[in-house]
Every structure is written in structure tokens, then in C-alpha cells.
Amino acid sequence: ASAVSRTATAALRAFDDPRSAAEVAEGAAPFADGAWPIALGLLDAALRIGRQAPEIDLPSARERLEAARAKVQP
């Protein structure tokens, strides 16, 4: 339960700080094969883009997060 809580907290922080994506992936890795390598690739890409990245569409991102949660919750 604490791993899920840490992962959820990191997911919220990831909206403001892409470095938190690694923590999200670490928490999700035991439940989703391939999550860690994908997250590392995304993090590397985000770091290359830096401040040039466009604003994140938060409502859309939240919808995607909820859809992903629905797929993994019993």
C-alpha cells in the first residue's frame, strides 16, 4: 500500500517535475512489464527537450491517468 501511495504522489509531482517520472516508473515496474525502460526513454527525451516543451494538457493527462488506473485496479 505504501508503494502505491508513493507512486501516486510521484505521479502528481511528475506534472511539475519530469524527474519524478522515474519514481513513478519504479513504483509501477512490479505491476507492468516494460514500464521501467519506457519511462527511462521518456525521461531522457524530456530532459533533452528541457524548457522548450509545450505545456502539458492537464485535463487530458488526468483522463489518461484515470483510464490507466481503471485497467490495473481489480
PDB file of N, CA and C in Angstrom:
ATOM      1  N   ALA A   1       0.826  -1.194   0.000  1.00  0.00           N
ATOM      2  CA  ALA A   1       0.000   0.000   0.000  1.00  0.00           C
ATOM      3  C   ALA A   1       0.870   1.258   0.000  1.00  0.00           C
ATOM      4  N   SER A   2       1.980   1.221   0.728  1.00  0.00           N
ATOM      5  CA  SER A   2       2.822   2.415   0.757  1.00  0.00           C
ATOM      6  C   SER A   2       3.482   2.657  -0.595  1.00  0.00           C
ATOM      7  N   ALA A   3       3.790   1.579  -1.332  1.00  0.00           N
ATOM      8  CA  ALA A   3       4.377   1.750  -2.670  1.00  0.00           C
ATOM      9  C   ALA A   3       3.382   2.415  -3.601  1.00  0.00           C
ATOM     10  N   VAL A   4       2.126   2.040  -3.488  1.00  0.00           N
ATOM     11  CA  VAL A   4       1.085   2.651  -4.320  1.00  0.00           C
ATOM     12  C   VAL A   4       0.945   4.127  -3.973  1.00  0.00           C
ATOM     13  N   SER A   5       0.972   4.432  -2.695  1.00  0.00           N
ATOM     14  CA  SER A   5       0.865   5.825  -2.255  1.00  0.00           C
ATOM     15  C   SER A   5       2.039   6.654  -2.757  1.00  0.00           C
ATOM     16  N   ARG A   6       3.257   6.113  -2.630  1.00  0.00           N
ATOM     17  CA  ARG A   6       4.446   6.833  -3.124  1.00  0.00           C
ATOM     18  C   ARG A   6       4.368   7.055  -4.628  1.00  0.00           C
ATOM     19  N   THR A   7       3.892   6.032  -5.344  1.00  0.00           N
ATOM     20  CA  THR A   7       3.785   6.142  -6.799  1.00  0.00           C
ATOM     21  C   THR A   7       2.766   7.199  -7.185  1.00  0.00           C
ATOM     22  N   ALA A   8       1.635   7.225  -6.493  1.00  0.00           N
ATOM     23  CA  ALA A   8       0.608   8.235  -6.789  1.00  0.00           C
ATOM     24  C   ALA A   8       1.127   9.639  -6.497  1.00  0.00           C
ATOM     25  N   THR A   9       1.825   9.789  -5.393  1.00  0.00           N
ATOM     26  CA  THR A   9       2.394  11.098  -5.058  1.00  0.00           C
ATOM     27  C   THR A   9       3.419  11.524  -6.102  1.00  0.00           C
ATOM     28  N   ALA A  10       4.251  10.590  -6.532  1.00  0.00           N
ATOM     29  CA  ALA A  10       5.248  10.905  -7.559  1.00  0.00           C
ATOM     30  C   ALA A  10       4.576  11.262  -8.877  1.00  0.00           C
ATOM     31  N   ALA A  11       3.471  10.588  -9.188  1.00  0.00           N
ATOM     32  CA  ALA A  11       2.747  10.895 -10.431  1.00  0.00           C
ATOM     33  C   ALA A  11       2.243  12.329 -10.411  1.00  0.00           C
ATOM     34  N   LEU A  12       1.754  12.770  -9.284  1.00  0.00           N
ATOM     35  CA  LEU A  12       1.300  14.157  -9.179  1.00  0.00           C
ATOM     36  C   LEU A  12       2.471  15.123  -9.317  1.00  0.00           C
ATOM     37  N   ARG A  13       3.599  14.787  -8.708  1.00  0.00           N
ATOM     38  CA  ARG A  13       4.784  15.648  -8.818  1.00  0.00           C
ATOM     39  C   ARG A  13       5.328  15.672 -10.241  1.00  0.00           C
ATOM     40  N   ALA A  14       5.119  14.581 -10.978  1.00  0.00           N
ATOM     41  CA  ALA A  14       5.657  14.491 -12.340  1.00  0.00           C
ATOM     42  C   ALA A  14       5.064  15.548 -13.257  1.00  0.00           C
ATOM     43  N   PHE A  15       3.890  16.060 -12.920  1.00  0.00           N
ATOM     44  CA  PHE A  15       3.310  17.123 -13.738  1.00  0.00           C
ATOM     45  C   PHE A  15       4.176  18.378 -13.691  1.00  0.00           C
ATOM     46  N   ASP A  16       4.817  18.629 -12.568  1.00  0.00           N
ATOM     47  CA  ASP A  16       5.659  19.817 -12.414  1.00  0.00           C
ATOM     48  C   ASP A  16       7.144  19.529 -12.582  1.00  0.00           C
ATOM     49  N   ASP A  17       7.542  18.287 -12.402  1.00  0.00           N
ATOM     50  CA  ASP A  17       8.961  17.940 -12.429  1.00  0.00           C
ATOM     51  C   ASP A  17       9.138  16.592 -13.123  1.00  0.00           C
ATOM     52  N   PRO A  18       9.618  16.573 -14.370  1.00  0.00           N
ATOM     53  CA  PRO A  18       9.731  15.313 -15.102  1.00  0.00           C
ATOM     54  C   PRO A  18      10.659  14.303 -14.441  1.00  0.00           C
ATOM     55  N   ARG A  19      11.516  14.747 -13.530  1.00  0.00           N
ATOM     56  CA  ARG A  19      12.388  13.791 -12.844  1.00  0.00           C
ATOM     57  C   ARG A  19      11.575  12.821 -11.999  1.00  0.00           C
ATOM     58  N   SER A  20      10.376  13.211 -11.606  1.00  0.00           N
ATOM     59  CA  SER A  20       9.528  12.325 -10.810  1.00  0.00           C
ATOM     60  C   SER A  20       9.014  11.151 -11.631  1.00  0.00           C
ATOM     61  N   ALA A  21       9.114  11.237 -12.950  1.00  0.00           N
ATOM     62  CA  ALA A  21       8.671  10.129 -13.802  1.00  0.00           C
ATOM     63  C   ALA A  21       9.425   8.848 -13.470  1.00  0.00           C
ATOM     64  N   ALA A  22      10.684   8.964 -13.117  1.00  0.00           N
ATOM     65  CA  ALA A  22      11.465   7.782 -12.757  1.00  0.00           C
ATOM     66  C   ALA A  22      10.899   7.120 -11.509  1.00  0.00           C
ATOM     67  N   GLU A  23      10.467   7.914 -10.559  1.00  0.00           N
ATOM     68  CA  GLU A  23       9.882   7.357  -9.336  1.00  0.00           C
ATOM     69  C   GLU A  23       8.549   6.678  -9.636  1.00  0.00           C
ATOM     70  N   VAL A  24       7.783   7.256 -10.555  1.00  0.00           N
ATOM     71  CA  VAL A  24       6.514   6.641 -10.960  1.00  0.00           C
ATOM     72  C   VAL A  24       6.794   5.286 -11.593  1.00  0.00           C
ATOM     73  N   ALA A  25       7.754   5.254 -12.491  1.00  0.00           N
ATOM     74  CA  ALA A  25       8.088   4.000 -13.165  1.00  0.00           C
ATOM     75  C   ALA A  25       8.591   2.952 -12.185  1.00  0.00           C
ATOM     76  N   GLU A  26       9.374   3.379 -11.223  1.00  0.00           N
ATOM     77  CA  GLU A  26       9.884   2.449 -10.221  1.00  0.00           C
ATOM     78  C   GLU A  26       8.729   1.811  -9.451  1.00  0.00           C
ATOM     79  N   GLY A  27       7.736   2.616  -9.102  1.00  0.00           N
ATOM     80  CA  GLY A  27       6.584   2.086  -8.380  1.00  0.00           C
ATOM     81  C   GLY A  27       5.704   1.201  -9.239  1.00  0.00           C
ATOM     82  N   ALA A  28       5.623   1.509 -10.529  1.00  0.00           N
ATOM     83  CA  ALA A  28       4.761   0.743 -11.434  1.00  0.00           C
ATOM     84  C   ALA A  28       5.439  -0.511 -11.969  1.00  0.00           C
ATOM     85  N   ALA A  29       6.754  -0.554 -11.958  1.00  0.00           N
ATOM     86  CA  ALA A  29       7.507  -1.649 -12.572  1.00  0.00           C
ATOM     87  C   ALA A  29       7.069  -3.046 -12.131  1.00  0.00           C
ATOM     88  N   PRO A  30       6.796  -3.277 -10.842  1.00  0.00           N
ATOM     89  CA  PRO A  30       6.382  -4.630 -10.462  1.00  0.00           C
ATOM     90  C   PRO A  30       5.027  -5.040 -11.045  1.00  0.00           C
ATOM     91  N   PHE A  31       4.236  -4.074 -11.469  1.00  0.00           N
ATOM     92  CA  PHE A  31       2.888  -4.363 -11.943  1.00  0.00           C
ATOM     93  C   PHE A  31       2.749  -4.295 -13.456  1.00  0.00           C
ATOM     94  N   ALA A  32       3.705  -3.693 -14.130  1.00  0.00           N
ATOM     95  CA  ALA A  32       3.601  -3.505 -15.579  1.00  0.00           C
ATOM     96  C   ALA A  32       4.950  -3.799 -16.224  1.00  0.00           C
ATOM     97  N   ASP A  33       5.033  -4.951 -16.901  1.00  0.00           N
ATOM     98  CA  ASP A  33       6.277  -5.305 -17.581  1.00  0.00           C
ATOM     99  C   ASP A  33       6.651  -4.228 -18.585  1.00  0.00           C
ATOM    100  N   GLY A  34       7.894  -3.863 -18.594  1.00  0.00           N
ATOM    101  CA  GLY A  34       8.387  -2.885 -19.551  1.00  0.00           C
ATOM    102  C   GLY A  34       8.196  -1.443 -19.143  1.00  0.00           C
ATOM    103  N   ALA A  35       7.595  -1.184 -17.988  1.00  0.00           N
ATOM    104  CA  ALA A  35       7.335   0.198 -17.564  1.00  0.00           C
ATOM    105  C   ALA A  35       8.635   0.968 -17.337  1.00  0.00           C
ATOM    106  N   TRP A  36       9.609   0.302 -16.766  1.00  0.00           N
ATOM    107  CA  TRP A  36      10.852   0.990 -16.422  1.00  0.00           C
ATOM    108  C   TRP A  36      11.619   1.442 -17.666  1.00  0.00           C
ATOM    109  N   PRO A  37      11.884   0.579 -18.652  1.00  0.00           N
ATOM    110  CA  PRO A  37      12.610   1.043 -19.846  1.00  0.00           C
ATOM    111  C   PRO A  37      11.864   2.135 -20.610  1.00  0.00           C
ATOM    112  N   ILE A  38      10.548   2.028 -20.683  1.00  0.00           N
ATOM    113  CA  ILE A  38       9.758   3.056 -21.374  1.00  0.00           C
ATOM    114  C   ILE A  38       9.887   4.388 -20.642  1.00  0.00           C
ATOM    115  N   ALA A  39       9.762   4.349 -19.322  1.00  0.00           N
ATOM    116  CA  ALA A  39       9.850   5.584 -18.538  1.00  0.00           C
ATOM    117  C   ALA A  39      11.230   6.223 -18.668  1.00  0.00           C
ATOM    118  N   LEU A  40      12.266   5.414 -18.677  1.00  0.00           N
ATOM    119  CA  LEU A  40      13.611   5.970 -18.828  1.00  0.00           C
ATOM    120  C   LEU A  40      13.774   6.645 -20.184  1.00  0.00           C
ATOM    121  N   GLY A  41      13.208   6.041 -21.219  1.00  0.00           N
ATOM    122  CA  GLY A  41      13.254   6.659 -22.540  1.00  0.00           C
ATOM    123  C   GLY A  41      12.517   7.983 -22.567  1.00  0.00           C
ATOM    124  N   LEU A  42      11.344   8.016 -21.930  1.00  0.00           N
ATOM    125  CA  LEU A  42      10.572   9.256 -21.866  1.00  0.00           C
ATOM    126  C   LEU A  42      11.309  10.325 -21.066  1.00  0.00           C
ATOM    127  N   LEU A  43      11.904   9.910 -19.965  1.00  0.00           N
ATOM    128  CA  LEU A  43      12.642  10.860 -19.136  1.00  0.00           C
ATOM    129  C   LEU A  43      13.837  11.429 -19.898  1.00  0.00           C
ATOM    130  N   ASP A  44      14.565  10.569 -20.598  1.00  0.00           N
ATOM    131  CA  ASP A  44      15.693  11.057 -21.402  1.00  0.00           C
ATOM    132  C   ASP A  44      15.223  12.052 -22.454  1.00  0.00           C
ATOM    133  N   ALA A  45      14.111  11.739 -23.118  1.00  0.00           N
ATOM    134  CA  ALA A  45      13.582  12.644 -24.140  1.00  0.00           C
ATOM    135  C   ALA A  45      13.151  13.971 -23.521  1.00  0.00           C
ATOM    136  N   ALA A  46      12.498  13.898 -22.364  1.00  0.00           N
ATOM    137  CA  ALA A  46      12.043  15.124 -21.697  1.00  0.00           C
ATOM    138  C   ALA A  46      13.224  15.996 -21.285  1.00  0.00           C
ATOM    139  N   LEU A  47      14.267  15.366 -20.814  1.00  0.00           N
ATOM    140  CA  LEU A  47      15.442  16.134 -20.399  1.00  0.00           C
ATOM    141  C   LEU A  47      16.133  16.781 -21.595  1.00  0.00           C
ATOM    142  N   ARG A  48      16.104  16.119 -22.759  1.00  0.00           N
ATOM    143  CA  ARG A  48      16.688  16.711 -23.962  1.00  0.00           C
ATOM    144  C   ARG A  48      15.879  17.920 -24.417  1.00  0.00           C
ATOM    145  N   ILE A  49      14.568  17.828 -24.274  1.00  0.00           N
ATOM    146  CA  ILE A  49      13.703  18.935 -24.695  1.00  0.00           C
ATOM    147  C   ILE A  49      13.885  20.125 -23.763  1.00  0.00           C
ATOM    148  N   GLY A  50      14.012  19.815 -22.481  1.00  0.00           N
ATOM    149  CA  GLY A  50      14.191  20.876 -21.491  1.00  0.00           C
ATOM    150  C   GLY A  50      13.000  21.809 -21.430  1.00  0.00           C
ATOM    151  N   ARG A  51      13.275  23.056 -21.308  1.00  0.00           N
ATOM    152  CA  ARG A  51      12.224  24.061 -21.143  1.00  0.00           C
ATOM    153  C   ARG A  51      11.494  24.368 -22.443  1.00  0.00           C
ATOM    154  N   GLN A  52      11.900  23.781 -23.544  1.00  0.00           N
ATOM    155  CA  GLN A  52      11.242  24.027 -24.818  1.00  0.00           C
ATOM    156  C   GLN A  52       9.930  23.259 -24.943  1.00  0.00           C
ATOM    157  N   ALA A  53       9.686  22.352 -24.030  1.00  0.00           N
ATOM    158  CA  ALA A  53       8.485  21.527 -24.112  1.00  0.00           C
ATOM    159  C   ALA A  53       7.230  22.373 -23.953  1.00  0.00           C
ATOM    160  N   PRO A  54       6.181  22.028 -24.702  1.00  0.00           N
ATOM    161  CA  PRO A  54       4.923  22.762 -24.550  1.00  0.00           C
ATOM    162  C   PRO A  54       4.259  22.423 -23.215  1.00  0.00           C
ATOM    163  N   GLU A  55       3.309  23.243 -22.842  1.00  0.00           N
ATOM    164  CA  GLU A  55       2.549  22.986 -21.622  1.00  0.00           C
ATOM    165  C   GLU A  55       1.834  21.639 -21.734  1.00  0.00           C
ATOM    166  N   ILE A  56       1.738  20.943 -20.627  1.00  0.00           N
ATOM    167  CA  ILE A  56       1.009  19.677 -20.587  1.00  0.00           C
ATOM    168  C   ILE A  56      -0.475  19.987 -20.476  1.00  0.00           C
ATOM    169  N   ASP A  57      -1.266  19.302 -21.287  1.00  0.00           N
ATOM    170  CA  ASP A  57      -2.718  19.435 -21.219  1.00  0.00           C
ATOM    171  C   ASP A  57      -3.184  18.632 -20.003  1.00  0.00           C
ATOM    172  N   LEU A  58      -3.294  19.294 -18.858  1.00  0.00           N
ATOM    173  CA  LEU A  58      -3.590  18.597 -17.602  1.00  0.00           C
ATOM    174  C   LEU A  58      -4.904  17.826 -17.625  1.00  0.00           C
ATOM    175  N   PRO A  59      -6.003  18.384 -18.144  1.00  0.00           N
ATOM    176  CA  PRO A  59      -7.237  17.581 -18.171  1.00  0.00           C
ATOM    177  C   PRO A  59      -7.073  16.294 -18.979  1.00  0.00           C
ATOM    178  N   SER A  60      -6.395  16.386 -20.113  1.00  0.00           N
ATOM    179  CA  SER A  60      -6.174  15.202 -20.939  1.00  0.00           C
ATOM    180  C   SER A  60      -5.262  14.204 -20.225  1.00  0.00           C
ATOM    181  N   ALA A  61      -4.220  14.703 -19.590  1.00  0.00           N
ATOM    182  CA  ALA A  61      -3.308  13.827 -18.856  1.00  0.00           C
ATOM    183  C   ALA A  61      -4.034  13.142 -17.706  1.00  0.00           C
ATOM    184  N   ARG A  62      -4.895  13.874 -17.036  1.00  0.00           N
ATOM    185  CA  ARG A  62      -5.653  13.293 -15.923  1.00  0.00           C
ATOM    186  C   ARG A  62      -6.589  12.196 -16.434  1.00  0.00           C
ATOM    187  N   GLU A  63      -7.220  12.426 -17.590  1.00  0.00           N
ATOM    188  CA  GLU A  63      -8.102  11.409 -18.179  1.00  0.00           C
ATOM    189  C   GLU A  63      -7.313  10.143 -18.512  1.00  0.00           C
ATOM    190  N   ARG A  64      -6.126  10.319 -19.073  1.00  0.00           N
ATOM    191  CA  ARG A  64      -5.293   9.160 -19.408  1.00  0.00           C
ATOM    192  C   ARG A  64      -4.867   8.418 -18.142  1.00  0.00           C
ATOM    193  N   LEU A  65      -4.540   9.164 -17.088  1.00  0.00           N
ATOM    194  CA  LEU A  65      -4.158   8.543 -15.824  1.00  0.00           C
ATOM    195  C   LEU A  65      -5.316   7.731 -15.256  1.00  0.00           C
ATOM    196  N   GLU A  66      -6.505   8.298 -15.279  1.00  0.00           N
ATOM    197  CA  GLU A  66      -7.680   7.584 -14.765  1.00  0.00           C
ATOM    198  C   GLU A  66      -7.970   6.337 -15.598  1.00  0.00           C
ATOM    199  N   ALA A  67      -7.810   6.430 -16.917  1.00  0.00           N
ATOM    200  CA  ALA A  67      -8.023   5.269 -17.783  1.00  0.00           C
ATOM    201  C   ALA A  67      -7.008   4.173 -17.465  1.00  0.00           C
ATOM    202  N   ALA A  68      -5.756   4.567 -17.227  1.00  0.00           N
ATOM    203  CA  ALA A  68      -4.726   3.587 -16.877  1.00  0.00           C
ATOM    204  C   ALA A  68      -5.019   2.952 -15.525  1.00  0.00           C
ATOM    205  N   ARG A  69      -5.458   3.751 -14.581  1.00  0.00           N
ATOM    206  CA  ARG A  69      -5.802   3.212 -13.253  1.00  0.00           C
ATOM    207  C   ARG A  69      -6.926   2.195 -13.362  1.00  0.00           C
ATOM    208  N   ALA A  70      -7.921   2.495 -14.181  1.00  0.00           N
ATOM    209  CA  ALA A  70      -9.066   1.595 -14.325  1.00  0.00           C
ATOM    210  C   ALA A  70      -8.635   0.235 -14.875  1.00  0.00           C
ATOM    211  N   LYS A  71      -7.591   0.226 -15.688  1.00  0.00           N
ATOM    212  CA  LYS A  71      -7.115  -1.031 -16.271  1.00  0.00           C
ATOM    213  C   LYS A  71      -6.390  -1.905 -15.261  1.00  0.00           C
ATOM    214  N   VAL A  72      -5.769  -1.310 -14.237  1.00  0.00           N
ATOM    215  CA  VAL A  72      -4.971  -2.098 -13.300  1.00  0.00           C
ATOM    216  C   VAL A  72      -5.656  -2.349 -11.967  1.00  0.00           C
ATOM    217  N   GLN A  73      -6.738  -1.659 -11.685  1.00  0.00           N
ATOM    218  CA  GLN A  73      -7.425  -1.871 -10.407  1.00  0.00           C
ATOM    219  C   GLN A  73      -8.380  -3.049 -10.535  1.00  0.00           C
ATOM    220  N   PRO A  74      -8.429  -3.877  -9.480  1.00  0.00           N
ATOM    221  CA  PRO A  74      -9.326  -5.053  -9.521  1.00  0.00           C
ATOM    222  C   PRO A  74     -10.780  -4.671  -9.488  1.00  0.00           C
TER     223      PRO A  74
END
